[in-house]
Amino acid sequence: MVHAPEIDGLSSMQKEYLLAMAQDDGPSSTGEIAKRLKRDAGYANVYRTQLIKEDVIYSPAWGQVDFKLPYMRNPIVTLHRR
């Protein structure tokens, strides 16, 4: 659980954002994440920005985000199931 300390300090909405990202095999569309969260793009962007500042995710291209740490998708899903 190397990633647990990284995740434990995040807000519940930040964790929900990561869970929405974890559904994809690679970079996630920010528009698709907003849909999965059932929120508008502006609302989702607040959490995107926070997670980028926390150095948990990054933007590889316009309108996309991806996990900064390798192999983070699986721990996100596992922690959500607890």
PDB file of N, CA and C in Angstrom:
ATOM      1  N   MET A   1       0.828  -1.188   0.000  1.00  0.00           N
ATOM      2  CA  MET A   1       0.000   0.000   0.000  1.00  0.00           C
ATOM      3  C   MET A   1       0.872   1.251   0.000  1.00  0.00           C
ATOM      4  N   VAL A   2       1.792   1.292  -0.920  1.00  0.00           N
ATOM      5  CA  VAL A   2       2.680   2.436  -1.058  1.00  0.00           C
ATOM      6  C   VAL A   2       1.894   3.713  -1.336  1.00  0.00           C
ATOM      7  N   HIS A   3       0.787   3.605  -2.047  1.00  0.00           N
ATOM      8  CA  HIS A   3       0.014   4.778  -2.430  1.00  0.00           C
ATOM      9  C   HIS A   3      -0.961   5.246  -1.347  1.00  0.00           C
ATOM     10  N   ALA A   4      -1.195   4.457  -0.322  1.00  0.00           N
ATOM     11  CA  ALA A   4      -2.170   4.808   0.705  1.00  0.00           C
ATOM     12  C   ALA A   4      -1.890   6.165   1.355  1.00  0.00           C
ATOM     13  N   PRO A   5      -0.648   6.474   1.746  1.00  0.00           N
ATOM     14  CA  PRO A   5      -0.413   7.793   2.352  1.00  0.00           C
ATOM     15  C   PRO A   5      -0.764   8.944   1.398  1.00  0.00           C
ATOM     16  N   GLU A   6      -0.538   8.737   0.137  1.00  0.00           N
ATOM     17  CA  GLU A   6      -0.859   9.753  -0.866  1.00  0.00           C
ATOM     18  C   GLU A   6      -2.360   9.993  -0.935  1.00  0.00           C
ATOM     19  N   ILE A   7      -3.130   8.951  -0.786  1.00  0.00           N
ATOM     20  CA  ILE A   7      -4.584   9.014  -0.938  1.00  0.00           C
ATOM     21  C   ILE A   7      -5.280   9.413   0.356  1.00  0.00           C
ATOM     22  N   ASP A   8      -4.756   8.967   1.491  1.00  0.00           N
ATOM     23  CA  ASP A   8      -5.424   9.192   2.781  1.00  0.00           C
ATOM     24  C   ASP A   8      -5.684  10.659   3.101  1.00  0.00           C
ATOM     25  N   GLY A   9      -4.800  11.551   2.678  1.00  0.00           N
ATOM     26  CA  GLY A   9      -4.953  12.964   3.003  1.00  0.00           C
ATOM     27  C   GLY A   9      -5.888  13.735   2.083  1.00  0.00           C
ATOM     28  N   LEU A  10      -6.482  13.055   1.111  1.00  0.00           N
ATOM     29  CA  LEU A  10      -7.344  13.732   0.145  1.00  0.00           C
ATOM     30  C   LEU A  10      -8.781  13.819   0.641  1.00  0.00           C
ATOM     31  N   SER A  11      -9.496  14.816   0.146  1.00  0.00           N
ATOM     32  CA  SER A  11     -10.913  14.956   0.489  1.00  0.00           C
ATOM     33  C   SER A  11     -11.727  13.854  -0.201  1.00  0.00           C
ATOM     34  N   SER A  12     -12.940  13.661   0.254  1.00  0.00           N
ATOM     35  CA  SER A  12     -13.782  12.619  -0.352  1.00  0.00           C
ATOM     36  C   SER A  12     -14.064  12.930  -1.818  1.00  0.00           C
ATOM     37  N   MET A  13     -14.231  14.191  -2.181  1.00  0.00           N
ATOM     38  CA  MET A  13     -14.485  14.529  -3.584  1.00  0.00           C
ATOM     39  C   MET A  13     -13.239  14.339  -4.439  1.00  0.00           C
ATOM     40  N   GLN A  14     -12.072  14.613  -3.884  1.00  0.00           N
ATOM     41  CA  GLN A  14     -10.838  14.338  -4.616  1.00  0.00           C
ATOM     42  C   GLN A  14     -10.708  12.835  -4.878  1.00  0.00           C
ATOM     43  N   LYS A  15     -11.067  12.026  -3.896  1.00  0.00           N
ATOM     44  CA  LYS A  15     -11.026  10.571  -4.070  1.00  0.00           C
ATOM     45  C   LYS A  15     -12.041  10.123  -5.106  1.00  0.00           C
ATOM     46  N   GLU A  16     -13.212  10.741  -5.127  1.00  0.00           N
ATOM     47  CA  GLU A  16     -14.214  10.415  -6.141  1.00  0.00           C
ATOM     48  C   GLU A  16     -13.703  10.758  -7.539  1.00  0.00           C
ATOM     49  N   TYR A  17     -13.002  11.865  -7.650  1.00  0.00           N
ATOM     50  CA  TYR A  17     -12.412  12.259  -8.938  1.00  0.00           C
ATOM     51  C   TYR A  17     -11.425  11.182  -9.393  1.00  0.00           C
ATOM     52  N   LEU A  18     -10.568  10.733  -8.473  1.00  0.00           N
ATOM     53  CA  LEU A  18      -9.597   9.691  -8.813  1.00  0.00           C
ATOM     54  C   LEU A  18     -10.291   8.383  -9.184  1.00  0.00           C
ATOM     55  N   LEU A  19     -11.356   8.066  -8.490  1.00  0.00           N
ATOM     56  CA  LEU A  19     -12.100   6.852  -8.811  1.00  0.00           C
ATOM     57  C   LEU A  19     -12.701   6.951 -10.208  1.00  0.00           C
ATOM     58  N   ALA A  20     -13.203   8.123 -10.567  1.00  0.00           N
ATOM     59  CA  ALA A  20     -13.731   8.325 -11.922  1.00  0.00           C
ATOM     60  C   ALA A  20     -12.621   8.159 -12.958  1.00  0.00           C
ATOM     61  N   MET A  21     -11.426   8.612 -12.635  1.00  0.00           N
ATOM     62  CA  MET A  21     -10.281   8.430 -13.538  1.00  0.00           C
ATOM     63  C   MET A  21      -9.883   6.965 -13.650  1.00  0.00           C
ATOM     64  N   ALA A  22      -9.969   6.236 -12.557  1.00  0.00           N
ATOM     65  CA  ALA A  22      -9.501   4.847 -12.508  1.00  0.00           C
ATOM     66  C   ALA A  22     -10.301   3.925 -13.419  1.00  0.00           C
ATOM     67  N   GLN A  23     -11.431   4.384 -13.918  1.00  0.00           N
ATOM     68  CA  GLN A  23     -12.231   3.580 -14.829  1.00  0.00           C
ATOM     69  C   GLN A  23     -11.591   3.461 -16.212  1.00  0.00           C
ATOM     70  N   ASP A  24     -10.638   4.329 -16.500  1.00  0.00           N
ATOM     71  CA  ASP A  24      -9.978   4.329 -17.800  1.00  0.00           C
ATOM     72  C   ASP A  24      -8.645   3.600 -17.731  1.00  0.00           C
ATOM     73  N   ASP A  25      -8.233   3.038 -18.866  1.00  0.00           N
ATOM     74  CA  ASP A  25      -6.956   2.327 -18.925  1.00  0.00           C
ATOM     75  C   ASP A  25      -5.765   3.251 -19.138  1.00  0.00           C
ATOM     76  N   GLY A  26      -6.034   4.474 -19.541  1.00  0.00           N
ATOM     77  CA  GLY A  26      -4.972   5.441 -19.797  1.00  0.00           C
ATOM     78  C   GLY A  26      -5.471   6.814 -19.414  1.00  0.00           C
ATOM     79  N   PRO A  27      -4.946   7.855 -20.066  1.00  0.00           N
ATOM     80  CA  PRO A  27      -5.401   9.209 -19.755  1.00  0.00           C
ATOM     81  C   PRO A  27      -6.916   9.339 -19.845  1.00  0.00           C
ATOM     82  N   SER A  28      -7.477  10.130 -18.945  1.00  0.00           N
ATOM     83  CA  SER A  28      -8.925  10.322 -18.866  1.00  0.00           C
ATOM     84  C   SER A  28      -9.319  11.663 -19.460  1.00  0.00           C
ATOM     85  N   SER A  29     -10.460  11.684 -20.102  1.00  0.00           N
ATOM     86  CA  SER A  29     -11.039  12.924 -20.600  1.00  0.00           C
ATOM     87  C   SER A  29     -11.656  13.672 -19.416  1.00  0.00           C
ATOM     88  N   THR A  30     -11.322  14.949 -19.270  1.00  0.00           N
ATOM     89  CA  THR A  30     -11.882  15.719 -18.166  1.00  0.00           C
ATOM     90  C   THR A  30     -13.398  15.869 -18.311  1.00  0.00           C
ATOM     91  N   GLY A  31     -13.885  15.940 -19.533  1.00  0.00           N
ATOM     92  CA  GLY A  31     -15.331  16.010 -19.753  1.00  0.00           C
ATOM     93  C   GLY A  31     -16.025  14.733 -19.325  1.00  0.00           C
ATOM     94  N   GLU A  32     -15.405  13.604 -19.601  1.00  0.00           N
ATOM     95  CA  GLU A  32     -15.974  12.311 -19.204  1.00  0.00           C
ATOM     96  C   GLU A  32     -15.964  12.163 -17.682  1.00  0.00           C
ATOM     97  N   ILE A  33     -14.922  12.643 -17.035  1.00  0.00           N
ATOM     98  CA  ILE A  33     -14.869  12.585 -15.574  1.00  0.00           C
ATOM     99  C   ILE A  33     -16.017  13.389 -14.980  1.00  0.00           C
ATOM    100  N   ALA A  34     -16.258  14.582 -15.509  1.00  0.00           N
ATOM    101  CA  ALA A  34     -17.372  15.413 -15.021  1.00  0.00           C
ATOM    102  C   ALA A  34     -18.695  14.668 -15.169  1.00  0.00           C
ATOM    103  N   LYS A  35     -18.883  13.984 -16.289  1.00  0.00           N
ATOM    104  CA  LYS A  35     -20.113  13.199 -16.490  1.00  0.00           C
ATOM    105  C   LYS A  35     -20.223  12.083 -15.462  1.00  0.00           C
ATOM    106  N   ARG A  36     -19.130  11.388 -15.219  1.00  0.00           N
ATOM    107  CA  ARG A  36     -19.147  10.294 -14.243  1.00  0.00           C
ATOM    108  C   ARG A  36     -19.451  10.799 -12.835  1.00  0.00           C
ATOM    109  N   LEU A  37     -18.991  12.012 -12.548  1.00  0.00           N
ATOM    110  CA  LEU A  37     -19.250  12.611 -11.238  1.00  0.00           C
ATOM    111  C   LEU A  37     -20.633  13.247 -11.160  1.00  0.00           C
ATOM    112  N   LYS A  38     -21.313  13.326 -12.312  1.00  0.00           N
ATOM    113  CA  LYS A  38     -22.625  13.978 -12.419  1.00  0.00           C
ATOM    114  C   LYS A  38     -22.536  15.437 -11.974  1.00  0.00           C
ATOM    115  N   ARG A  39     -21.475  16.091 -12.441  1.00  0.00           N
ATOM    116  CA  ARG A  39     -21.213  17.496 -12.132  1.00  0.00           C
ATOM    117  C   ARG A  39     -20.855  18.218 -13.426  1.00  0.00           C
ATOM    118  N   ASP A  40     -20.925  19.551 -13.389  1.00  0.00           N
ATOM    119  CA  ASP A  40     -20.502  20.282 -14.577  1.00  0.00           C
ATOM    120  C   ASP A  40     -18.973  20.368 -14.604  1.00  0.00           C
ATOM    121  N   ALA A  41     -18.449  20.741 -15.766  1.00  0.00           N
ATOM    122  CA  ALA A  41     -17.002  20.760 -15.968  1.00  0.00           C
ATOM    123  C   ALA A  41     -16.305  21.735 -15.011  1.00  0.00           C
ATOM    124  N   GLY A  42     -16.930  22.870 -14.715  1.00  0.00           N
ATOM    125  CA  GLY A  42     -16.332  23.840 -13.807  1.00  0.00           C
ATOM    126  C   GLY A  42     -16.143  23.286 -12.405  1.00  0.00           C
ATOM    127  N   TYR A  43     -17.145  22.564 -11.930  1.00  0.00           N
ATOM    128  CA  TYR A  43     -17.076  21.952 -10.604  1.00  0.00           C
ATOM    129  C   TYR A  43     -15.959  20.908 -10.575  1.00  0.00           C
ATOM    130  N   ALA A  44     -15.931  20.040 -11.583  1.00  0.00           N
ATOM    131  CA  ALA A  44     -14.910  18.991 -11.643  1.00  0.00           C
ATOM    132  C   ALA A  44     -13.514  19.591 -11.769  1.00  0.00           C
ATOM    133  N   ASN A  45     -13.409  20.720 -12.466  1.00  0.00           N
ATOM    134  CA  ASN A  45     -12.111  21.351 -12.665  1.00  0.00           C
ATOM    135  C   ASN A  45     -11.486  21.823 -11.351  1.00  0.00           C
ATOM    136  N   VAL A  46     -12.308  22.187 -10.384  1.00  0.00           N
ATOM    137  CA  VAL A  46     -11.785  22.584  -9.068  1.00  0.00           C
ATOM    138  C   VAL A  46     -10.959  21.441  -8.475  1.00  0.00           C
ATOM    139  N   TYR A  47     -11.474  20.226  -8.557  1.00  0.00           N
ATOM    140  CA  TYR A  47     -10.787  19.068  -7.988  1.00  0.00           C
ATOM    141  C   TYR A  47      -9.615  18.633  -8.858  1.00  0.00           C
ATOM    142  N   ARG A  48      -9.760  18.782 -10.163  1.00  0.00           N
ATOM    143  CA  ARG A  48      -8.645  18.518 -11.078  1.00  0.00           C
ATOM    144  C   ARG A  48      -7.464  19.407 -10.688  1.00  0.00           C
ATOM    145  N   THR A  49      -7.723  20.685 -10.525  1.00  0.00           N
ATOM    146  CA  THR A  49      -6.676  21.645 -10.176  1.00  0.00           C
ATOM    147  C   THR A  49      -6.030  21.302  -8.833  1.00  0.00           C
ATOM    148  N   GLN A  50      -6.842  20.957  -7.852  1.00  0.00           N
ATOM    149  CA  GLN A  50      -6.304  20.592  -6.536  1.00  0.00           C
ATOM    150  C   GLN A  50      -5.402  19.370  -6.631  1.00  0.00           C
ATOM    151  N   LEU A  51      -5.837  18.354  -7.381  1.00  0.00           N
ATOM    152  CA  LEU A  51      -5.059  17.119  -7.498  1.00  0.00           C
ATOM    153  C   LEU A  51      -3.759  17.342  -8.263  1.00  0.00           C
ATOM    154  N   ILE A  52      -3.780  18.255  -9.223  1.00  0.00           N
ATOM    155  CA  ILE A  52      -2.541  18.600  -9.924  1.00  0.00           C
ATOM    156  C   ILE A  52      -1.589  19.305  -8.955  1.00  0.00           C
ATOM    157  N   LYS A  53      -2.114  20.220  -8.154  1.00  0.00           N
ATOM    158  CA  LYS A  53      -1.280  20.919  -7.164  1.00  0.00           C
ATOM    159  C   LYS A  53      -0.722  19.958  -6.121  1.00  0.00           C
ATOM    160  N   GLU A  54      -1.502  18.934  -5.772  1.00  0.00           N
ATOM    161  CA  GLU A  54      -1.055  17.924  -4.800  1.00  0.00           C
ATOM    162  C   GLU A  54      -0.056  16.945  -5.433  1.00  0.00           C
ATOM    163  N   ASP A  55       0.151  17.079  -6.748  1.00  0.00           N
ATOM    164  CA  ASP A  55       1.090  16.236  -7.505  1.00  0.00           C
ATOM    165  C   ASP A  55       0.639  14.775  -7.576  1.00  0.00           C
ATOM    166  N   VAL A  56      -0.678  14.579  -7.594  1.00  0.00           N
ATOM    167  CA  VAL A  56      -1.243  13.228  -7.685  1.00  0.00           C
ATOM    168  C   VAL A  56      -1.551  12.890  -9.143  1.00  0.00           C
ATOM    169  N   ILE A  57      -1.986  13.894  -9.910  1.00  0.00           N
ATOM    170  CA  ILE A  57      -2.290  13.707 -11.328  1.00  0.00           C
ATOM    171  C   ILE A  57      -1.588  14.794 -12.129  1.00  0.00           C
ATOM    172  N   TYR A  58      -1.592  14.629 -13.449  1.00  0.00           N
ATOM    173  CA  TYR A  58      -1.039  15.649 -14.339  1.00  0.00           C
ATOM    174  C   TYR A  58      -1.863  15.675 -15.618  1.00  0.00           C
ATOM    175  N   SER A  59      -1.646  16.673 -16.434  1.00  0.00           N
ATOM    176  CA  SER A  59      -2.363  16.806 -17.686  1.00  0.00           C
ATOM    177  C   SER A  59      -1.406  16.539 -18.847  1.00  0.00           C
ATOM    178  N   PRO A  60      -1.503  15.350 -19.466  1.00  0.00           N
ATOM    179  CA  PRO A  60      -0.599  15.033 -20.574  1.00  0.00           C
ATOM    180  C   PRO A  60      -0.954  15.765 -21.866  1.00  0.00           C
ATOM    181  N   ALA A  61      -2.207  16.222 -21.972  1.00  0.00           N
ATOM    182  CA  ALA A  61      -2.679  16.946 -23.153  1.00  0.00           C
ATOM    183  C   ALA A  61      -3.913  17.740 -22.751  1.00  0.00           C
ATOM    184  N   TRP A  62      -4.291  18.699 -23.591  1.00  0.00           N
ATOM    185  CA  TRP A  62      -5.467  19.516 -23.296  1.00  0.00           C
ATOM    186  C   TRP A  62      -6.691  18.622 -23.133  1.00  0.00           C
ATOM    187  N   GLY A  63      -7.432  18.820 -22.053  1.00  0.00           N
ATOM    188  CA  GLY A  63      -8.654  18.069 -21.810  1.00  0.00           C
ATOM    189  C   GLY A  63      -8.450  16.663 -21.287  1.00  0.00           C
ATOM    190  N   GLN A  64      -7.243  16.357 -20.865  1.00  0.00           N
ATOM    191  CA  GLN A  64      -6.936  15.021 -20.346  1.00  0.00           C
ATOM    192  C   GLN A  64      -6.174  15.120 -19.022  1.00  0.00           C
ATOM    193  N   VAL A  65      -6.346  14.096 -18.218  1.00  0.00           N
ATOM    194  CA  VAL A  65      -5.566  13.941 -16.989  1.00  0.00           C
ATOM    195  C   VAL A  65      -5.139  12.482 -16.858  1.00  0.00           C
ATOM    196  N   ASP A  66      -4.067  12.277 -16.138  1.00  0.00           N
ATOM    197  CA  ASP A  66      -3.584  10.921 -15.889  1.00  0.00           C
ATOM    198  C   ASP A  66      -2.927  10.890 -14.516  1.00  0.00           C
ATOM    199  N   PHE A  67      -2.789   9.694 -13.980  1.00  0.00           N
ATOM    200  CA  PHE A  67      -2.149   9.523 -12.678  1.00  0.00           C
ATOM    201  C   PHE A  67      -0.659   9.807 -12.780  1.00  0.00           C
ATOM    202  N   LYS A  68      -0.129  10.512 -11.822  1.00  0.00           N
ATOM    203  CA  LYS A  68       1.290  10.851 -11.794  1.00  0.00           C
ATOM    204  C   LYS A  68       2.129   9.649 -11.357  1.00  0.00           C
ATOM    205  N   LEU A  69       1.636   8.922 -10.371  1.00  0.00           N
ATOM    206  CA  LEU A  69       2.372   7.773  -9.853  1.00  0.00           C
ATOM    207  C   LEU A  69       2.019   6.518 -10.642  1.00  0.00           C
ATOM    208  N   PRO A  70       3.008   5.720 -10.993  1.00  0.00           N
ATOM    209  CA  PRO A  70       2.719   4.496 -11.735  1.00  0.00           C
ATOM    210  C   PRO A  70       1.872   3.523 -10.906  1.00  0.00           C
ATOM    211  N   TYR A  71       1.052   2.794 -11.583  1.00  0.00           N
ATOM    212  CA  TYR A  71       0.225   1.740 -10.979  1.00  0.00           C
ATOM    213  C   TYR A  71      -0.764   2.253  -9.936  1.00  0.00           C
ATOM    214  N   MET A  72      -1.213   3.477 -10.059  1.00  0.00           N
ATOM    215  CA  MET A  72      -2.111   4.034  -9.053  1.00  0.00           C
ATOM    216  C   MET A  72      -3.571   3.635  -9.279  1.00  0.00           C
ATOM    217  N   ARG A  73      -3.945   3.280 -10.492  1.00  0.00           N
ATOM    218  CA  ARG A  73      -5.342   2.930 -10.770  1.00  0.00           C
ATOM    219  C   ARG A  73      -5.859   1.810  -9.875  1.00  0.00           C
ATOM    220  N   ASN A  74      -5.122   0.739  -9.753  1.00  0.00           N
ATOM    221  CA  ASN A  74      -5.586  -0.408  -8.964  1.00  0.00           C
ATOM    222  C   ASN A  74      -5.752  -0.090  -7.482  1.00  0.00           C
ATOM    223  N   PRO A  75      -4.798   0.597  -6.841  1.00  0.00           N
ATOM    224  CA  PRO A  75      -5.009   0.945  -5.424  1.00  0.00           C
ATOM    225  C   PRO A  75      -6.216   1.851  -5.219  1.00  0.00           C
ATOM    226  N   ILE A  76      -6.500   2.749  -6.166  1.00  0.00           N
ATOM    227  CA  ILE A  76      -7.658   3.628  -6.036  1.00  0.00           C
ATOM    228  C   ILE A  76      -8.923   2.789  -5.975  1.00  0.00           C
ATOM    229  N   VAL A  77      -9.055   1.840  -6.863  1.00  0.00           N
ATOM    230  CA  VAL A  77     -10.236   0.985  -6.887  1.00  0.00           C
ATOM    231  C   VAL A  77     -10.290   0.130  -5.632  1.00  0.00           C
ATOM    232  N   THR A  78      -9.153  -0.397  -5.210  1.00  0.00           N
ATOM    233  CA  THR A  78      -9.101  -1.235  -4.003  1.00  0.00           C
ATOM    234  C   THR A  78      -9.501  -0.433  -2.769  1.00  0.00           C
ATOM    235  N   LEU A  79      -8.975   0.774  -2.607  1.00  0.00           N
ATOM    236  CA  LEU A  79      -9.319   1.596  -1.443  1.00  0.00           C
ATOM    237  C   LEU A  79     -10.790   1.975  -1.435  1.00  0.00           C
ATOM    238  N   HIS A  80     -11.368   2.153  -2.595  1.00  0.00           N
ATOM    239  CA  HIS A  80     -12.781   2.515  -2.684  1.00  0.00           C
ATOM    240  C   HIS A  80     -13.676   1.368  -2.173  1.00  0.00           C
ATOM    241  N   ARG A  81     -13.224   0.145  -2.365  1.00  0.00           N
ATOM    242  CA  ARG A  81     -14.020  -1.027  -1.971  1.00  0.00           C
ATOM    243  C   ARG A  81     -13.994  -1.283  -0.476  1.00  0.00           C
ATOM    244  N   ARG A  82     -13.107  -0.640   0.259  1.00  0.00           N
ATOM    245  CA  ARG A  82     -13.009  -0.864   1.723  1.00  0.00           C
ATOM    246  C   ARG A  82     -14.281  -0.492   2.436  1.00  0.00           C
TER     247      ARG A  82
END
